[in-house]
Amino acid sequence: MAKPGTNKLGSSSHLHVSLHDLEGKNVFRGNDYKMNDTLSCSNNMQYFLGGVMKYCLDTFIFFAPTINSYKRFK
């Protein structure tokens, strides 16, 4: 369990995700959407992120599979 007690700090968790086509090209990279002067992404990245946001509650069971897991989210 990442957070052993309610009075202690948790160690957090994050995921790194990448997606490549059959030729090995990163499909998240592109200039379809410009976020700022130096950062942009492809439409595929926008659709992927939208899907993650839409279905995150449905997949929450994978991130907190036990009752004790919910102590972390208090």
PDB file of N, CA and C in Angstrom:
ATOM      1  N   MET A   1       0.854  -1.172   0.000  1.00  0.00           N
ATOM      2  CA  MET A   1       0.000   0.000   0.000  1.00  0.00           C
ATOM      3  C   MET A   1       0.902   1.238   0.000  1.00  0.00           C
ATOM      4  N   ALA A   2       0.637   2.157  -0.864  1.00  0.00           N
ATOM      5  CA  ALA A   2       1.511   3.315  -1.032  1.00  0.00           C
ATOM      6  C   ALA A   2       1.470   4.272   0.159  1.00  0.00           C
ATOM      7  N   LYS A   3       0.368   4.301   0.882  1.00  0.00           N
ATOM      8  CA  LYS A   3       0.242   5.198   2.036  1.00  0.00           C
ATOM      9  C   LYS A   3      -0.063   4.352   3.266  1.00  0.00           C
ATOM     10  N   PRO A   4       0.921   4.117   4.127  1.00  0.00           N
ATOM     11  CA  PRO A   4       0.742   3.208   5.253  1.00  0.00           C
ATOM     12  C   PRO A   4      -0.154   3.728   6.368  1.00  0.00           C
ATOM     13  N   GLY A   5      -0.284   5.028   6.527  1.00  0.00           N
ATOM     14  CA  GLY A   5      -1.115   5.588   7.584  1.00  0.00           C
ATOM     15  C   GLY A   5      -1.692   6.923   7.185  1.00  0.00           C
ATOM     16  N   THR A   6      -2.794   7.318   7.813  1.00  0.00           N
ATOM     17  CA  THR A   6      -3.440   8.579   7.435  1.00  0.00           C
ATOM     18  C   THR A   6      -2.619   9.795   7.829  1.00  0.00           C
ATOM     19  N   ASN A   7      -1.700   9.640   8.789  1.00  0.00           N
ATOM     20  CA  ASN A   7      -0.880  10.772   9.209  1.00  0.00           C
ATOM     21  C   ASN A   7       0.473  10.805   8.509  1.00  0.00           C
ATOM     22  N   LYS A   8       0.690   9.936   7.542  1.00  0.00           N
ATOM     23  CA  LYS A   8       1.960   9.868   6.816  1.00  0.00           C
ATOM     24  C   LYS A   8       1.738  10.230   5.348  1.00  0.00           C
ATOM     25  N   LEU A   9       2.785  10.716   4.715  1.00  0.00           N
ATOM     26  CA  LEU A   9       2.706  11.046   3.288  1.00  0.00           C
ATOM     27  C   LEU A   9       2.783   9.782   2.446  1.00  0.00           C
ATOM     28  N   GLY A  10       2.085   9.762   1.355  1.00  0.00           N
ATOM     29  CA  GLY A  10       2.161   8.644   0.430  1.00  0.00           C
ATOM     30  C   GLY A  10       3.305   8.811  -0.541  1.00  0.00           C
ATOM     31  N   SER A  11       3.643   7.745  -1.236  1.00  0.00           N
ATOM     32  CA  SER A  11       4.761   7.801  -2.179  1.00  0.00           C
ATOM     33  C   SER A  11       4.306   8.093  -3.603  1.00  0.00           C
ATOM     34  N   SER A  12       3.030   8.243  -3.831  1.00  0.00           N
ATOM     35  CA  SER A  12       2.459   8.598  -5.114  1.00  0.00           C
ATOM     36  C   SER A  12       2.675   7.487  -6.148  1.00  0.00           C
ATOM     37  N   SER A  13       2.106   7.675  -7.278  1.00  0.00           N
ATOM     38  CA  SER A  13       2.227   6.707  -8.366  1.00  0.00           C
ATOM     39  C   SER A  13       1.905   7.417  -9.667  1.00  0.00           C
ATOM     40  N   HIS A  14       2.578   7.024 -10.734  1.00  0.00           N
ATOM     41  CA  HIS A  14       2.269   7.559 -12.046  1.00  0.00           C
ATOM     42  C   HIS A  14       2.651   6.535 -13.109  1.00  0.00           C
ATOM     43  N   LEU A  15       2.119   6.717 -14.289  1.00  0.00           N
ATOM     44  CA  LEU A  15       2.373   5.814 -15.407  1.00  0.00           C
ATOM     45  C   LEU A  15       2.970   6.587 -16.569  1.00  0.00           C
ATOM     46  N   HIS A  16       3.872   5.958 -17.286  1.00  0.00           N
ATOM     47  CA  HIS A  16       4.387   6.497 -18.541  1.00  0.00           C
ATOM     48  C   HIS A  16       3.771   5.663 -19.653  1.00  0.00           C
ATOM     49  N   VAL A  17       3.205   6.313 -20.646  1.00  0.00           N
ATOM     50  CA  VAL A  17       2.539   5.612 -21.739  1.00  0.00           C
ATOM     51  C   VAL A  17       3.086   6.130 -23.064  1.00  0.00           C
ATOM     52  N   SER A  18       3.372   5.213 -23.966  1.00  0.00           N
ATOM     53  CA  SER A  18       3.761   5.602 -25.319  1.00  0.00           C
ATOM     54  C   SER A  18       3.040   4.691 -26.301  1.00  0.00           C
ATOM     55  N   LEU A  19       2.879   5.157 -27.514  1.00  0.00           N
ATOM     56  CA  LEU A  19       2.203   4.381 -28.541  1.00  0.00           C
ATOM     57  C   LEU A  19       2.976   4.550 -29.845  1.00  0.00           C
ATOM     58  N   HIS A  20       3.352   3.424 -30.451  1.00  0.00           N
ATOM     59  CA  HIS A  20       4.122   3.441 -31.694  1.00  0.00           C
ATOM     60  C   HIS A  20       3.371   2.659 -32.768  1.00  0.00           C
ATOM     61  N   ASP A  21       3.521   3.103 -34.010  1.00  0.00           N
ATOM     62  CA  ASP A  21       2.906   2.369 -35.118  1.00  0.00           C
ATOM     63  C   ASP A  21       3.801   1.184 -35.506  1.00  0.00           C
ATOM     64  N   LEU A  22       3.422   0.468 -36.542  1.00  0.00           N
ATOM     65  CA  LEU A  22       4.159  -0.738 -36.942  1.00  0.00           C
ATOM     66  C   LEU A  22       5.578  -0.436 -37.415  1.00  0.00           C
ATOM     67  N   GLU A  23       5.828   0.786 -37.855  1.00  0.00           N
ATOM     68  CA  GLU A  23       7.171   1.174 -38.283  1.00  0.00           C
ATOM     69  C   GLU A  23       8.015   1.694 -37.114  1.00  0.00           C
ATOM     70  N   GLY A  24       7.449   1.783 -35.920  1.00  0.00           N
ATOM     71  CA  GLY A  24       8.177   2.248 -34.757  1.00  0.00           C
ATOM     72  C   GLY A  24       8.086   3.748 -34.506  1.00  0.00           C
ATOM     73  N   LYS A  25       7.240   4.447 -35.265  1.00  0.00           N
ATOM     74  CA  LYS A  25       7.092   5.894 -35.117  1.00  0.00           C
ATOM     75  C   LYS A  25       6.146   6.202 -33.951  1.00  0.00           C
ATOM     76  N   ASN A  26       6.530   7.164 -33.120  1.00  0.00           N
ATOM     77  CA  ASN A  26       5.704   7.590 -31.998  1.00  0.00           C
ATOM     78  C   ASN A  26       4.492   8.339 -32.549  1.00  0.00           C
ATOM     79  N   VAL A  27       3.287   7.813 -32.319  1.00  0.00           N
ATOM     80  CA  VAL A  27       2.082   8.431 -32.886  1.00  0.00           C
ATOM     81  C   VAL A  27       1.548   9.572 -32.025  1.00  0.00           C
ATOM     82  N   PHE A  28       2.118   9.785 -30.848  1.00  0.00           N
ATOM     83  CA  PHE A  28       1.711  10.917 -30.018  1.00  0.00           C
ATOM     84  C   PHE A  28       2.399  12.208 -30.444  1.00  0.00           C
ATOM     85  N   ARG A  29       3.481  12.069 -31.159  1.00  0.00           N
ATOM     86  CA  ARG A  29       4.245  13.224 -31.595  1.00  0.00           C
ATOM     87  C   ARG A  29       3.647  13.833 -32.850  1.00  0.00           C
ATOM     88  N   GLY A  30       3.604  15.129 -32.923  1.00  0.00           N
ATOM     89  CA  GLY A  30       3.079  15.783 -34.113  1.00  0.00           C
ATOM     90  C   GLY A  30       2.828  17.254 -33.874  1.00  0.00           C
ATOM     91  N   ASN A  31       2.363  17.933 -34.903  1.00  0.00           N
ATOM     92  CA  ASN A  31       2.110  19.373 -34.835  1.00  0.00           C
ATOM     93  C   ASN A  31       0.639  19.712 -35.059  1.00  0.00           C
ATOM     94  N   ASP A  32      -0.245  18.728 -34.860  1.00  0.00           N
ATOM     95  CA  ASP A  32      -1.670  18.972 -35.082  1.00  0.00           C
ATOM     96  C   ASP A  32      -2.247  19.954 -34.057  1.00  0.00           C
ATOM     97  N   TYR A  33      -1.752  19.885 -32.837  1.00  0.00           N
ATOM     98  CA  TYR A  33      -2.253  20.763 -31.778  1.00  0.00           C
ATOM     99  C   TYR A  33      -1.068  21.391 -31.059  1.00  0.00           C
ATOM    100  N   LYS A  34      -1.007  22.709 -31.054  1.00  0.00           N
ATOM    101  CA  LYS A  34       0.100  23.425 -30.424  1.00  0.00           C
ATOM    102  C   LYS A  34      -0.326  23.853 -29.023  1.00  0.00           C
ATOM    103  N   MET A  35       0.360  23.307 -28.009  1.00  0.00           N
ATOM    104  CA  MET A  35       0.031  23.617 -26.620  1.00  0.00           C
ATOM    105  C   MET A  35       0.673  24.917 -26.154  1.00  0.00           C
ATOM    106  N   ASN A  36       1.882  25.174 -26.600  1.00  0.00           N
ATOM    107  CA  ASN A  36       2.570  26.443 -26.323  1.00  0.00           C
ATOM    108  C   ASN A  36       3.633  26.639 -27.404  1.00  0.00           C
ATOM    109  N   ASP A  37       4.580  27.540 -27.201  1.00  0.00           N
ATOM    110  CA  ASP A  37       5.579  27.847 -28.228  1.00  0.00           C
ATOM    111  C   ASP A  37       6.497  26.672 -28.559  1.00  0.00           C
ATOM    112  N   THR A  38       6.702  25.772 -27.606  1.00  0.00           N
ATOM    113  CA  THR A  38       7.660  24.687 -27.822  1.00  0.00           C
ATOM    114  C   THR A  38       7.046  23.291 -27.762  1.00  0.00           C
ATOM    115  N   LEU A  39       5.778  23.162 -27.381  1.00  0.00           N
ATOM    116  CA  LEU A  39       5.175  21.853 -27.171  1.00  0.00           C
ATOM    117  C   LEU A  39       3.938  21.665 -28.034  1.00  0.00           C
ATOM    118  N   SER A  40       3.907  20.556 -28.760  1.00  0.00           N
ATOM    119  CA  SER A  40       2.743  20.237 -29.582  1.00  0.00           C
ATOM    120  C   SER A  40       2.524  18.729 -29.559  1.00  0.00           C
ATOM    121  N   CYS A  41       1.365  18.304 -30.022  1.00  0.00           N
ATOM    122  CA  CYS A  41       1.066  16.866 -30.064  1.00  0.00           C
ATOM    123  C   CYS A  41       0.192  16.556 -31.268  1.00  0.00           C
ATOM    124  N   SER A  42       0.038  15.267 -31.539  1.00  0.00           N
ATOM    125  CA  SER A  42      -0.779  14.823 -32.676  1.00  0.00           C
ATOM    126  C   SER A  42      -2.246  14.717 -32.259  1.00  0.00           C
ATOM    127  N   ASN A  43      -3.107  14.615 -33.262  1.00  0.00           N
ATOM    128  CA  ASN A  43      -4.522  14.365 -32.983  1.00  0.00           C
ATOM    129  C   ASN A  43      -4.699  13.032 -32.258  1.00  0.00           C
ATOM    130  N   ASN A  44      -3.859  12.046 -32.588  1.00  0.00           N
ATOM    131  CA  ASN A  44      -3.942  10.752 -31.909  1.00  0.00           C
ATOM    132  C   ASN A  44      -3.727  10.902 -30.405  1.00  0.00           C
ATOM    133  N   MET A  45      -2.806  11.762 -30.018  1.00  0.00           N
ATOM    134  CA  MET A  45      -2.556  12.004 -28.601  1.00  0.00           C
ATOM    135  C   MET A  45      -3.780  12.621 -27.945  1.00  0.00           C
ATOM    136  N   GLN A  46      -4.414  13.564 -28.616  1.00  0.00           N
ATOM    137  CA  GLN A  46      -5.614  14.196 -28.064  1.00  0.00           C
ATOM    138  C   GLN A  46      -6.734  13.179 -27.890  1.00  0.00           C
ATOM    139  N   TYR A  47      -6.930  12.315 -28.885  1.00  0.00           N
ATOM    140  CA  TYR A  47      -7.979  11.293 -28.781  1.00  0.00           C
ATOM    141  C   TYR A  47      -7.660  10.280 -27.688  1.00  0.00           C
ATOM    142  N   PHE A  48      -6.387   9.891 -27.566  1.00  0.00           N
ATOM    143  CA  PHE A  48      -5.971   8.965 -26.522  1.00  0.00           C
ATOM    144  C   PHE A  48      -6.247   9.563 -25.147  1.00  0.00           C
ATOM    145  N   LEU A  49      -5.828  10.808 -24.944  1.00  0.00           N
ATOM    146  CA  LEU A  49      -6.035  11.463 -23.664  1.00  0.00           C
ATOM    147  C   LEU A  49      -7.528  11.631 -23.355  1.00  0.00           C
ATOM    148  N   GLY A  50      -8.310  11.943 -24.367  1.00  0.00           N
ATOM    149  CA  GLY A  50      -9.760  12.040 -24.179  1.00  0.00           C
ATOM    150  C   GLY A  50     -10.355  10.714 -23.748  1.00  0.00           C
ATOM    151  N   GLY A  51      -9.883   9.614 -24.335  1.00  0.00           N
ATOM    152  CA  GLY A  51     -10.354   8.286 -23.932  1.00  0.00           C
ATOM    153  C   GLY A  51      -9.962   7.944 -22.508  1.00  0.00           C
ATOM    154  N   VAL A  52      -8.739   8.300 -22.125  1.00  0.00           N
ATOM    155  CA  VAL A  52      -8.295   8.069 -20.744  1.00  0.00           C
ATOM    156  C   VAL A  52      -9.200   8.835 -19.780  1.00  0.00           C
ATOM    157  N   MET A  53      -9.486  10.090 -20.104  1.00  0.00           N
ATOM    158  CA  MET A  53     -10.327  10.904 -19.230  1.00  0.00           C
ATOM    159  C   MET A  53     -11.760  10.368 -19.176  1.00  0.00           C
ATOM    160  N   LYS A  54     -12.266   9.905 -20.308  1.00  0.00           N
ATOM    161  CA  LYS A  54     -13.645   9.404 -20.350  1.00  0.00           C
ATOM    162  C   LYS A  54     -13.812   8.116 -19.552  1.00  0.00           C
ATOM    163  N   TYR A  55     -12.829   7.226 -19.630  1.00  0.00           N
ATOM    164  CA  TYR A  55     -12.977   5.906 -19.020  1.00  0.00           C
ATOM    165  C   TYR A  55     -12.198   5.724 -17.718  1.00  0.00           C
ATOM    166  N   CYS A  56     -11.629   6.800 -17.173  1.00  0.00           N
ATOM    167  CA  CYS A  56     -10.794   6.635 -15.973  1.00  0.00           C
ATOM    168  C   CYS A  56     -11.587   6.087 -14.787  1.00  0.00           C
ATOM    169  N   LEU A  57     -12.819   6.478 -14.600  1.00  0.00           N
ATOM    170  CA  LEU A  57     -13.595   5.940 -13.484  1.00  0.00           C
ATOM    171  C   LEU A  57     -13.916   4.463 -13.679  1.00  0.00           C
ATOM    172  N   ASP A  58     -14.120   4.039 -14.928  1.00  0.00           N
ATOM    173  CA  ASP A  58     -14.407   2.628 -15.205  1.00  0.00           C
ATOM    174  C   ASP A  58     -13.200   1.742 -14.958  1.00  0.00           C
ATOM    175  N   THR A  59     -12.003   2.281 -15.098  1.00  0.00           N
ATOM    176  CA  THR A  59     -10.781   1.482 -14.919  1.00  0.00           C
ATOM    177  C   THR A  59     -10.161   1.679 -13.540  1.00  0.00           C
ATOM    178  N   PHE A  60     -10.836   2.414 -12.675  1.00  0.00           N
ATOM    179  CA  PHE A  60     -10.302   2.720 -11.354  1.00  0.00           C
ATOM    180  C   PHE A  60     -10.041   1.463 -10.534  1.00  0.00           C
ATOM    181  N   ILE A  61     -10.792   0.405 -10.774  1.00  0.00           N
ATOM    182  CA  ILE A  61     -10.627  -0.847 -10.036  1.00  0.00           C
ATOM    183  C   ILE A  61      -9.217  -1.412 -10.187  1.00  0.00           C
ATOM    184  N   PHE A  62      -8.551  -1.123 -11.306  1.00  0.00           N
ATOM    185  CA  PHE A  62      -7.189  -1.611 -11.512  1.00  0.00           C
ATOM    186  C   PHE A  62      -6.173  -0.854 -10.660  1.00  0.00           C
ATOM    187  N   PHE A  63      -6.503   0.374 -10.277  1.00  0.00           N
ATOM    188  CA  PHE A  63      -5.585   1.200  -9.497  1.00  0.00           C
ATOM    189  C   PHE A  63      -5.849   1.108  -7.995  1.00  0.00           C
ATOM    190  N   ALA A  64      -7.053   0.712  -7.623  1.00  0.00           N
ATOM    191  CA  ALA A  64      -7.406   0.559  -6.214  1.00  0.00           C
ATOM    192  C   ALA A  64      -8.250  -0.706  -6.057  1.00  0.00           C
ATOM    193  N   PRO A  65      -7.617  -1.878  -6.172  1.00  0.00           N
ATOM    194  CA  PRO A  65      -8.384  -3.124  -6.210  1.00  0.00           C
ATOM    195  C   PRO A  65      -8.896  -3.619  -4.853  1.00  0.00           C
ATOM    196  N   THR A  66      -8.406  -3.081  -3.746  1.00  0.00           N
ATOM    197  CA  THR A  66      -8.839  -3.562  -2.437  1.00  0.00           C
ATOM    198  C   THR A  66      -9.414  -2.423  -1.612  1.00  0.00           C
ATOM    199  N   ILE A  67     -10.120  -2.772  -0.567  1.00  0.00           N
ATOM    200  CA  ILE A  67     -10.691  -1.752   0.316  1.00  0.00           C
ATOM    201  C   ILE A  67      -9.583  -0.909   0.931  1.00  0.00           C
ATOM    202  N   ASN A  68      -8.485  -1.542   1.310  1.00  0.00           N
ATOM    203  CA  ASN A  68      -7.369  -0.786   1.896  1.00  0.00           C
ATOM    204  C   ASN A  68      -6.779   0.229   0.915  1.00  0.00           C
ATOM    205  N   SER A  69      -6.906  -0.016  -0.373  1.00  0.00           N
ATOM    206  CA  SER A  69      -6.388   0.925  -1.371  1.00  0.00           C
ATOM    207  C   SER A  69      -7.035   2.299  -1.240  1.00  0.00           C
ATOM    208  N   TYR A  70      -8.279   2.330  -0.796  1.00  0.00           N
ATOM    209  CA  TYR A  70      -9.006   3.596  -0.738  1.00  0.00           C
ATOM    210  C   TYR A  70      -8.512   4.507   0.381  1.00  0.00           C
ATOM    211  N   LYS A  71      -7.740   3.988   1.332  1.00  0.00           N
ATOM    212  CA  LYS A  71      -7.136   4.843   2.355  1.00  0.00           C
ATOM    213  C   LYS A  71      -6.237   5.881   1.692  1.00  0.00           C
ATOM    214  N   ARG A  72      -5.638   5.522   0.583  1.00  0.00           N
ATOM    215  CA  ARG A  72      -4.733   6.401  -0.153  1.00  0.00           C
ATOM    216  C   ARG A  72      -5.462   7.611  -0.718  1.00  0.00           C
ATOM    217  N   PHE A  73      -6.720   7.444  -1.055  1.00  0.00           N
ATOM    218  CA  PHE A  73      -7.465   8.496  -1.751  1.00  0.00           C
ATOM    219  C   PHE A  73      -8.272   9.379  -0.821  1.00  0.00           C
ATOM    220  N   LYS A  74      -8.126   9.207   0.472  1.00  0.00           N
ATOM    221  CA  LYS A  74      -8.890   9.977   1.437  1.00  0.00           C
ATOM    222  C   LYS A  74      -8.485  11.435   1.382  1.00  0.00           C
TER     223      LYS A  74
END
